[in-house]
Each structure stands twice: as C-alpha cells, then as structure tokens.
C-alpha cells in the first residue's frame, strides 16, 4: 500500500477505502511506558511496577497504557502520508469508537494499519476525514490490540 496518485484535498472523496499500509514498528519498552506514566500521572502498578506485575498481574509482566498505544496514531498517519501534501491546515478533531482489544506486553513492537474510512465535505474547502486505525503488537497473536477511528479536519 502507498499514498494514492493524485492525493490532493480536492479529491479526498475518491480515496475513501484506501489502505495506506502499515507503519514502522514502535517498541513499547519499559522506559517508554515509564515516561508516558510520568507525563500523564497514570502510574498504575500494572504499567510501572515491574516486580509486582511479574508476581500479581495476569499477564506476567507490565503492560503498556492503552492511551499510550492510542497516542501513537497521529505520528503514524504522518509517516504513511495519509493527509494530502497540499492541505493548508490539519486539526485533530477527536477519536470515535476506540476499542482496546488485547493488552500490549512490555517490549512489544506496535505496528498500525491506516485506511480512510470516510470524508465529509464541510464547506469552505474543509473536509472531515475519518480514518480507521488498527494496531497490532508484533510477536503477539494476529488479533489487533487496538482499533480506533480518528477524525481530522483538513483544509485546502
């Protein structure tokens, strides 16, 4: 999968259903999990207390925060070229239908597949773009760990 030919704001509607492929892997090691916990204040033991997690967690070790996995999506979309290069502005409009389907064990590498799920013209050269983002933990099962729809307002 790749960026479609003629990928411009004016023809975004033509690209609904386009699969942009899969991102490069991002490793969620304990250092990254700890940094995320520090930034957000979410220091739940299942994420940051390695000894306790190894003894008490049903997963046998720490797991990444669901919101950490979710927060990787915007960077993935830039990496894969989801938004047309001629867009004058791009604003995060939020997420819809976020589902955490499986835990992400520490040390997992996350890859995310992105597809344009919908484009809604909003007038004045603005389009509300809905993308379907499916994240997988490499080395885990083929089951996704996260499925989320991101909304972005794209302006010509």
N, C-alpha and C. Protein backbone atom coordinates (compact mmCIF):
# COMPACT_ATOMS: atom_id res chain seq x y z
N UNK A 1 0.84 -1.18 0.00
CA UNK A 1 0.00 0.00 0.00
C UNK A 1 0.89 1.25 0.00
N UNK A 2 0.36 2.29 -0.53
CA UNK A 2 1.13 3.52 -0.62
C UNK A 2 0.17 4.69 -0.72
N UNK A 3 0.74 5.87 -0.77
CA UNK A 3 -0.05 7.08 -0.97
C UNK A 3 -0.64 7.00 -2.38
N UNK A 4 -1.94 7.22 -2.53
CA UNK A 4 -2.55 7.13 -3.86
C UNK A 4 -2.06 8.25 -4.78
N UNK A 5 -2.10 7.98 -6.08
CA UNK A 5 -1.77 9.02 -7.05
C UNK A 5 -2.80 10.14 -6.91
N UNK A 6 -2.40 11.33 -7.27
CA UNK A 6 -3.29 12.49 -7.21
C UNK A 6 -3.91 12.65 -5.82
N UNK A 7 -3.09 12.50 -4.80
CA UNK A 7 -3.57 12.63 -3.42
C UNK A 7 -3.60 14.12 -3.05
N UNK A 8 -4.76 14.74 -3.26
CA UNK A 8 -4.93 16.16 -3.01
C UNK A 8 -6.21 16.36 -2.21
N UNK A 9 -6.31 17.49 -1.54
CA UNK A 9 -7.51 17.80 -0.77
C UNK A 9 -8.74 17.76 -1.67
N UNK A 10 -8.63 18.28 -2.88
CA UNK A 10 -9.78 18.37 -3.79
C UNK A 10 -10.37 17.00 -4.15
N UNK A 11 -9.56 15.92 -4.07
CA UNK A 11 -10.10 14.61 -4.43
C UNK A 11 -10.05 13.61 -3.28
N UNK A 12 -10.12 14.11 -2.07
CA UNK A 12 -10.13 13.22 -0.90
C UNK A 12 -11.26 12.20 -0.97
N UNK A 13 -12.43 12.60 -1.44
CA UNK A 13 -13.57 11.69 -1.52
C UNK A 13 -13.26 10.45 -2.37
N UNK A 14 -12.41 10.60 -3.35
CA UNK A 14 -12.03 9.47 -4.22
C UNK A 14 -11.20 8.42 -3.47
N UNK A 15 -10.65 8.79 -2.34
CA UNK A 15 -9.73 7.89 -1.64
C UNK A 15 -10.36 7.18 -0.44
N UNK A 16 -11.67 7.32 -0.27
CA UNK A 16 -12.34 6.58 0.80
C UNK A 16 -12.13 5.09 0.53
N UNK A 17 -11.70 4.37 1.54
CA UNK A 17 -11.42 2.95 1.42
C UNK A 17 -9.96 2.64 1.12
N UNK A 18 -9.17 3.69 0.80
CA UNK A 18 -7.75 3.44 0.50
C UNK A 18 -7.01 3.00 1.76
N UNK A 19 -6.25 1.93 1.62
CA UNK A 19 -5.42 1.39 2.69
C UNK A 19 -4.00 1.93 2.49
N UNK A 20 -3.51 2.68 3.48
CA UNK A 20 -2.18 3.27 3.39
C UNK A 20 -1.08 2.32 3.86
N UNK A 21 -1.46 1.14 4.27
CA UNK A 21 -0.48 0.17 4.70
C UNK A 21 -0.19 0.25 6.18
N UNK A 22 0.95 -0.29 6.55
CA UNK A 22 1.32 -0.46 7.95
C UNK A 22 2.56 0.36 8.28
N UNK A 23 2.53 0.94 9.46
CA UNK A 23 3.63 1.78 9.94
C UNK A 23 4.87 0.95 10.27
N UNK A 24 5.94 1.66 10.47
CA UNK A 24 7.14 1.03 11.02
C UNK A 24 6.85 0.66 12.47
N UNK A 25 7.50 -0.38 12.99
CA UNK A 25 7.25 -0.76 14.39
C UNK A 25 7.78 0.28 15.38
N UNK A 26 7.04 0.44 16.46
CA UNK A 26 7.45 1.29 17.58
C UNK A 26 7.48 0.39 18.82
N UNK A 27 8.66 0.27 19.43
CA UNK A 27 8.81 -0.61 20.60
C UNK A 27 8.31 0.10 21.85
N UNK A 28 7.44 -0.58 22.57
CA UNK A 28 6.94 -0.05 23.84
C UNK A 28 7.68 -0.75 24.98
N UNK A 29 8.91 -0.29 25.20
CA UNK A 29 9.72 -0.85 26.27
C UNK A 29 9.36 -0.18 27.59
N UNK A 30 9.93 -0.65 28.67
CA UNK A 30 9.58 -0.13 29.99
C UNK A 30 9.92 1.35 30.13
N UNK A 31 11.01 1.77 29.52
CA UNK A 31 11.39 3.19 29.61
C UNK A 31 10.31 4.08 28.99
N UNK A 32 9.79 3.69 27.82
CA UNK A 32 8.74 4.48 27.17
C UNK A 32 7.47 4.47 28.01
N UNK A 33 7.12 3.33 28.55
CA UNK A 33 5.93 3.21 29.41
C UNK A 33 6.09 4.10 30.65
N UNK A 34 7.27 4.07 31.25
CA UNK A 34 7.53 4.90 32.43
C UNK A 34 7.46 6.39 32.10
N UNK A 35 8.00 6.79 30.94
CA UNK A 35 7.92 8.20 30.52
C UNK A 35 6.48 8.62 30.31
N UNK A 36 5.68 7.77 29.69
CA UNK A 36 4.26 8.07 29.49
C UNK A 36 3.56 8.22 30.84
N UNK A 37 3.86 7.33 31.76
CA UNK A 37 3.26 7.40 33.11
C UNK A 37 3.63 8.71 33.78
N UNK A 38 4.87 9.13 33.64
CA UNK A 38 5.33 10.39 34.23
C UNK A 38 4.59 11.58 33.62
N UNK A 39 4.46 11.57 32.30
CA UNK A 39 3.78 12.68 31.61
C UNK A 39 2.31 12.78 31.99
N UNK A 40 1.64 11.66 32.12
CA UNK A 40 0.19 11.66 32.32
C UNK A 40 -0.22 11.54 33.79
N UNK A 41 0.69 11.10 34.64
CA UNK A 41 0.34 10.86 36.04
C UNK A 41 -0.34 9.52 36.26
N UNK A 42 -0.46 8.71 35.21
CA UNK A 42 -1.08 7.38 35.33
C UNK A 42 0.01 6.38 35.69
N UNK A 43 0.21 6.20 36.98
CA UNK A 43 1.27 5.32 37.47
C UNK A 43 0.70 4.02 38.06
N UNK A 44 -0.40 3.54 37.47
CA UNK A 44 -0.98 2.29 37.96
C UNK A 44 0.08 1.20 37.92
N UNK A 45 0.12 0.39 38.97
CA UNK A 45 1.19 -0.59 39.13
C UNK A 45 1.31 -1.56 37.95
N UNK A 46 0.23 -1.88 37.29
CA UNK A 46 0.29 -2.85 36.20
C UNK A 46 1.14 -2.33 35.02
N UNK A 47 1.37 -1.02 35.01
CA UNK A 47 2.20 -0.42 33.97
C UNK A 47 3.63 -0.16 34.43
N UNK A 48 3.82 0.22 35.69
CA UNK A 48 5.14 0.73 36.10
C UNK A 48 5.85 -0.07 37.19
N UNK A 49 5.17 -0.94 37.89
CA UNK A 49 5.80 -1.71 38.96
C UNK A 49 6.14 -3.11 38.43
N UNK A 50 7.36 -3.23 37.90
CA UNK A 50 7.78 -4.46 37.23
C UNK A 50 7.71 -5.66 38.17
N UNK A 51 8.25 -5.53 39.39
CA UNK A 51 8.25 -6.66 40.32
C UNK A 51 6.83 -7.11 40.67
N UNK A 52 5.99 -6.16 41.01
CA UNK A 52 4.61 -6.51 41.37
C UNK A 52 3.87 -7.11 40.17
N UNK A 53 4.05 -6.53 39.00
CA UNK A 53 3.38 -7.04 37.80
C UNK A 53 3.79 -8.48 37.51
N UNK A 54 5.07 -8.79 37.70
CA UNK A 54 5.54 -10.16 37.45
C UNK A 54 4.93 -11.15 38.44
N UNK A 55 4.63 -10.68 39.64
CA UNK A 55 4.04 -11.55 40.67
C UNK A 55 2.52 -11.60 40.62
N UNK A 56 1.87 -10.44 40.38
CA UNK A 56 0.42 -10.35 40.55
C UNK A 56 -0.39 -10.15 39.28
N UNK A 57 0.23 -9.69 38.23
CA UNK A 57 -0.53 -9.40 37.01
C UNK A 57 -0.91 -10.69 36.29
N UNK A 58 -2.10 -10.76 35.76
CA UNK A 58 -2.49 -11.94 34.97
C UNK A 58 -1.67 -12.06 33.68
N UNK A 59 -0.92 -11.00 33.32
CA UNK A 59 -0.13 -11.00 32.10
C UNK A 59 1.32 -11.38 32.34
N UNK A 60 1.73 -11.51 33.61
CA UNK A 60 3.08 -11.94 33.95
C UNK A 60 4.15 -10.89 33.84
N UNK A 61 3.76 -9.67 33.50
CA UNK A 61 4.72 -8.57 33.38
C UNK A 61 3.91 -7.28 33.24
N UNK A 62 4.60 -6.16 33.10
CA UNK A 62 3.88 -4.91 32.89
C UNK A 62 3.29 -4.88 31.48
N UNK A 63 2.29 -4.01 31.31
CA UNK A 63 1.68 -3.80 30.01
C UNK A 63 1.66 -2.29 29.73
N UNK A 64 1.63 -1.95 28.45
CA UNK A 64 1.57 -0.54 28.06
C UNK A 64 0.18 0.02 28.34
N UNK A 65 0.12 1.31 28.61
CA UNK A 65 -1.15 2.01 28.76
C UNK A 65 -1.90 1.95 27.42
N UNK A 66 -3.20 1.77 27.48
CA UNK A 66 -4.00 1.85 26.26
C UNK A 66 -3.86 3.20 25.59
N UNK A 67 -3.84 4.26 26.41
CA UNK A 67 -3.72 5.61 25.85
C UNK A 67 -2.36 5.86 25.21
N UNK A 68 -1.33 5.15 25.67
CA UNK A 68 -0.02 5.26 25.03
C UNK A 68 -0.12 4.70 23.61
N UNK A 69 -0.73 3.55 23.47
CA UNK A 69 -0.90 2.95 22.15
C UNK A 69 -1.74 3.86 21.25
N UNK A 70 -2.81 4.41 21.80
CA UNK A 70 -3.67 5.33 21.04
C UNK A 70 -2.92 6.58 20.60
N UNK A 71 -2.04 7.07 21.46
CA UNK A 71 -1.33 8.32 21.16
C UNK A 71 -0.32 8.18 20.02
N UNK A 72 -0.01 6.96 19.61
CA UNK A 72 0.93 6.75 18.51
C UNK A 72 0.29 7.02 17.14
N UNK A 73 -1.03 7.03 17.08
CA UNK A 73 -1.73 7.11 15.79
C UNK A 73 -1.43 8.38 14.99
N UNK A 74 -1.47 9.58 15.56
CA UNK A 74 -1.20 10.75 14.72
C UNK A 74 0.17 10.69 14.01
N UNK A 75 1.19 10.26 14.69
CA UNK A 75 2.52 10.17 14.07
C UNK A 75 2.53 9.14 12.94
N UNK A 76 1.81 8.04 13.14
CA UNK A 76 1.70 7.01 12.10
C UNK A 76 1.06 7.59 10.85
N UNK A 77 0.04 8.41 11.02
CA UNK A 77 -0.65 8.98 9.87
C UNK A 77 0.27 9.90 9.06
N UNK A 78 1.12 10.65 9.74
CA UNK A 78 2.11 11.48 9.03
C UNK A 78 3.13 10.58 8.32
N UNK A 79 3.59 9.55 9.02
CA UNK A 79 4.56 8.63 8.44
C UNK A 79 4.04 8.02 7.13
N UNK A 80 2.77 7.63 7.11
CA UNK A 80 2.20 6.93 5.97
C UNK A 80 1.65 7.88 4.89
N UNK A 81 1.66 9.19 5.15
CA UNK A 81 1.20 10.16 4.15
C UNK A 81 -0.30 10.19 3.97
N UNK A 82 -1.03 9.98 5.03
CA UNK A 82 -2.49 9.91 4.96
C UNK A 82 -3.10 11.23 4.49
N UNK A 83 -2.57 12.33 4.94
CA UNK A 83 -3.16 13.62 4.61
C UNK A 83 -2.44 14.25 3.42
N UNK A 84 -3.20 14.82 2.48
CA UNK A 84 -2.61 15.37 1.26
C UNK A 84 -1.57 16.46 1.55
N UNK A 85 -0.51 16.49 0.76
CA UNK A 85 0.55 17.48 0.98
C UNK A 85 0.10 18.91 0.69
N UNK A 86 -1.01 19.08 -0.05
CA UNK A 86 -1.48 20.43 -0.35
C UNK A 86 -2.46 20.97 0.69
N UNK A 87 -2.68 20.23 1.76
CA UNK A 87 -3.56 20.73 2.84
C UNK A 87 -2.90 21.93 3.51
N UNK A 88 -3.66 23.00 3.67
CA UNK A 88 -3.10 24.19 4.32
C UNK A 88 -3.19 24.10 5.83
N UNK A 89 -4.09 23.25 6.30
CA UNK A 89 -4.28 23.11 7.75
C UNK A 89 -4.84 21.73 8.03
N UNK A 90 -4.46 21.20 9.18
CA UNK A 90 -4.92 19.89 9.64
C UNK A 90 -5.12 19.98 11.14
N UNK A 91 -6.34 19.73 11.59
CA UNK A 91 -6.64 19.79 13.02
C UNK A 91 -7.19 18.46 13.51
N UNK A 92 -6.65 17.99 14.62
CA UNK A 92 -7.19 16.80 15.26
C UNK A 92 -8.60 17.13 15.74
N UNK A 93 -9.56 16.33 15.33
CA UNK A 93 -10.97 16.57 15.65
C UNK A 93 -11.47 15.58 16.70
N UNK A 94 -10.64 14.59 17.04
CA UNK A 94 -11.01 13.64 18.08
C UNK A 94 -10.98 12.21 17.60
N UNK A 95 -11.38 11.32 18.49
CA UNK A 95 -11.45 9.89 18.19
C UNK A 95 -12.88 9.42 18.36
N UNK A 96 -13.27 8.42 17.58
CA UNK A 96 -14.55 7.72 17.72
C UNK A 96 -14.26 6.23 17.86
N UNK A 97 -15.14 5.55 18.53
CA UNK A 97 -15.12 4.08 18.58
C UNK A 97 -13.75 3.51 18.91
N UNK A 98 -13.14 3.98 19.96
CA UNK A 98 -11.85 3.44 20.39
C UNK A 98 -12.11 2.14 21.16
N UNK A 99 -11.42 1.07 20.74
CA UNK A 99 -11.56 -0.22 21.40
C UNK A 99 -10.18 -0.79 21.67
N UNK A 100 -9.95 -1.16 22.93
CA UNK A 100 -8.72 -1.84 23.33
C UNK A 100 -9.06 -3.33 23.37
N UNK A 101 -8.50 -4.10 22.46
CA UNK A 101 -8.91 -5.48 22.27
C UNK A 101 -8.01 -6.50 22.95
N UNK A 102 -6.81 -6.10 23.28
CA UNK A 102 -5.87 -7.01 23.93
C UNK A 102 -4.79 -6.18 24.62
N UNK A 103 -4.22 -6.72 25.71
CA UNK A 103 -3.13 -5.99 26.37
C UNK A 103 -1.88 -5.97 25.49
N UNK A 104 -1.05 -4.96 25.72
CA UNK A 104 0.22 -4.82 24.99
C UNK A 104 1.34 -5.08 25.98
N UNK A 105 1.94 -6.28 25.94
CA UNK A 105 3.02 -6.60 26.88
C UNK A 105 4.23 -5.70 26.68
N UNK A 106 4.89 -5.37 27.77
CA UNK A 106 6.12 -4.59 27.70
C UNK A 106 7.07 -5.24 26.71
N UNK A 107 7.75 -4.40 25.92
CA UNK A 107 8.70 -4.90 24.93
C UNK A 107 8.08 -5.18 23.57
N UNK A 108 6.76 -5.09 23.47
CA UNK A 108 6.09 -5.32 22.19
C UNK A 108 6.41 -4.19 21.22
N UNK A 109 6.45 -4.54 19.96
CA UNK A 109 6.56 -3.54 18.90
C UNK A 109 5.17 -3.38 18.29
N UNK A 110 4.70 -2.15 18.22
CA UNK A 110 3.37 -1.86 17.71
C UNK A 110 3.49 -1.41 16.25
N UNK A 111 2.66 -1.99 15.40
CA UNK A 111 2.50 -1.51 14.03
C UNK A 111 1.02 -1.17 13.85
N UNK A 112 0.77 -0.15 13.02
CA UNK A 112 -0.60 0.32 12.84
C UNK A 112 -0.92 0.43 11.36
N UNK A 113 -2.06 -0.15 10.97
CA UNK A 113 -2.57 -0.07 9.61
C UNK A 113 -3.60 1.05 9.57
N UNK A 114 -3.55 1.89 8.52
CA UNK A 114 -4.45 3.05 8.41
C UNK A 114 -5.19 3.01 7.08
N UNK A 115 -6.49 3.29 7.16
CA UNK A 115 -7.35 3.35 5.97
C UNK A 115 -8.27 4.56 6.10
N UNK A 116 -8.52 5.25 4.98
CA UNK A 116 -9.50 6.34 5.02
C UNK A 116 -10.88 5.69 5.02
N UNK A 117 -11.63 5.92 6.08
CA UNK A 117 -12.95 5.31 6.24
C UNK A 117 -14.08 6.21 5.76
N UNK A 118 -13.82 7.51 5.71
CA UNK A 118 -14.87 8.43 5.26
C UNK A 118 -14.34 9.83 5.12
N UNK A 119 -14.99 10.60 4.25
CA UNK A 119 -14.67 12.01 4.04
C UNK A 119 -15.99 12.74 3.93
N UNK A 120 -16.15 13.77 4.75
CA UNK A 120 -17.38 14.56 4.75
C UNK A 120 -17.05 16.02 4.44
N UNK A 121 -17.48 16.52 3.29
CA UNK A 121 -17.25 17.93 2.98
C UNK A 121 -17.95 18.83 4.00
N UNK A 122 -17.26 19.85 4.46
CA UNK A 122 -17.80 20.76 5.47
C UNK A 122 -17.91 22.19 4.95
N UNK A 123 -17.67 22.40 3.67
CA UNK A 123 -17.76 23.73 3.09
C UNK A 123 -16.48 24.53 3.29
N UNK A 124 -16.33 25.56 2.48
CA UNK A 124 -15.17 26.46 2.57
C UNK A 124 -13.84 25.71 2.44
N UNK A 125 -13.82 24.64 1.64
CA UNK A 125 -12.59 23.90 1.42
C UNK A 125 -12.17 23.02 2.58
N UNK A 126 -13.12 22.74 3.48
CA UNK A 126 -12.81 21.90 4.65
C UNK A 126 -13.45 20.52 4.49
N UNK A 127 -12.74 19.49 4.97
CA UNK A 127 -13.23 18.12 4.90
C UNK A 127 -12.95 17.43 6.24
N UNK A 128 -13.97 16.76 6.77
CA UNK A 128 -13.78 15.96 7.97
C UNK A 128 -13.40 14.56 7.50
N UNK A 129 -12.17 14.17 7.80
CA UNK A 129 -11.64 12.89 7.35
C UNK A 129 -11.64 11.91 8.52
N UNK A 130 -12.24 10.74 8.28
CA UNK A 130 -12.31 9.67 9.28
C UNK A 130 -11.36 8.56 8.83
N UNK A 131 -10.43 8.20 9.69
CA UNK A 131 -9.53 7.09 9.37
C UNK A 131 -9.75 5.95 10.35
N UNK A 132 -9.64 4.74 9.83
CA UNK A 132 -9.68 3.54 10.66
C UNK A 132 -8.24 3.14 10.92
N UNK A 133 -7.89 2.99 12.20
CA UNK A 133 -6.53 2.69 12.62
C UNK A 133 -6.56 1.39 13.41
N UNK A 134 -5.82 0.40 12.94
CA UNK A 134 -5.80 -0.91 13.58
C UNK A 134 -4.37 -1.20 13.99
N UNK A 135 -4.14 -1.34 15.30
CA UNK A 135 -2.78 -1.57 15.82
C UNK A 135 -2.61 -3.03 16.22
N UNK A 136 -1.42 -3.54 15.96
CA UNK A 136 -1.06 -4.91 16.28
C UNK A 136 0.23 -4.90 17.08
N UNK A 137 0.34 -5.81 18.02
CA UNK A 137 1.59 -5.99 18.76
C UNK A 137 2.36 -7.12 18.10
N UNK A 138 3.51 -6.81 17.55
CA UNK A 138 4.30 -7.84 16.89
C UNK A 138 4.73 -8.87 17.92
N UNK A 139 4.79 -10.09 17.49
CA UNK A 139 5.15 -11.17 18.39
C UNK A 139 3.96 -11.69 19.17
N UNK A 140 2.84 -10.99 19.10
CA UNK A 140 1.62 -11.45 19.76
C UNK A 140 0.76 -12.17 18.72
N UNK A 141 -0.49 -12.38 19.04
CA UNK A 141 -1.38 -13.03 18.09
C UNK A 141 -1.70 -12.09 16.95
N UNK A 142 -2.36 -12.59 15.94
CA UNK A 142 -2.75 -11.77 14.80
C UNK A 142 -3.92 -10.85 15.15
N UNK A 143 -4.45 -11.01 16.33
CA UNK A 143 -5.58 -10.19 16.77
C UNK A 143 -5.10 -8.75 17.03
N UNK A 144 -5.88 -7.76 16.58
CA UNK A 144 -5.50 -6.37 16.88
C UNK A 144 -5.52 -6.10 18.39
N UNK A 145 -4.67 -5.19 18.80
CA UNK A 145 -4.68 -4.75 20.20
C UNK A 145 -5.52 -3.50 20.36
N UNK A 146 -5.75 -2.78 19.25
CA UNK A 146 -6.48 -1.51 19.29
C UNK A 146 -7.10 -1.26 17.92
N UNK A 147 -8.35 -0.80 17.95
CA UNK A 147 -9.00 -0.29 16.73
C UNK A 147 -9.61 1.05 17.12
N UNK A 148 -9.31 2.08 16.34
CA UNK A 148 -9.83 3.41 16.65
C UNK A 148 -10.06 4.20 15.37
N UNK A 149 -11.08 5.02 15.40
CA UNK A 149 -11.32 5.95 14.31
C UNK A 149 -10.86 7.33 14.74
N UNK A 150 -9.99 7.93 13.96
CA UNK A 150 -9.52 9.28 14.22
C UNK A 150 -10.23 10.22 13.25
N UNK A 151 -10.63 11.36 13.75
CA UNK A 151 -11.24 12.40 12.92
C UNK A 151 -10.27 13.57 12.81
N UNK A 152 -10.12 14.08 11.60
CA UNK A 152 -9.26 15.23 11.37
C UNK A 152 -9.97 16.19 10.42
N UNK A 153 -9.88 17.47 10.71
CA UNK A 153 -10.41 18.49 9.81
C UNK A 153 -9.28 18.93 8.91
N UNK A 154 -9.44 18.68 7.61
CA UNK A 154 -8.43 19.00 6.61
C UNK A 154 -8.93 20.19 5.80
N UNK A 155 -8.08 21.19 5.63
CA UNK A 155 -8.46 22.39 4.89
C UNK A 155 -7.57 22.55 3.67
N UNK A 156 -8.21 22.91 2.55
CA UNK A 156 -7.46 23.13 1.30
C UNK A 156 -6.63 24.39 1.40
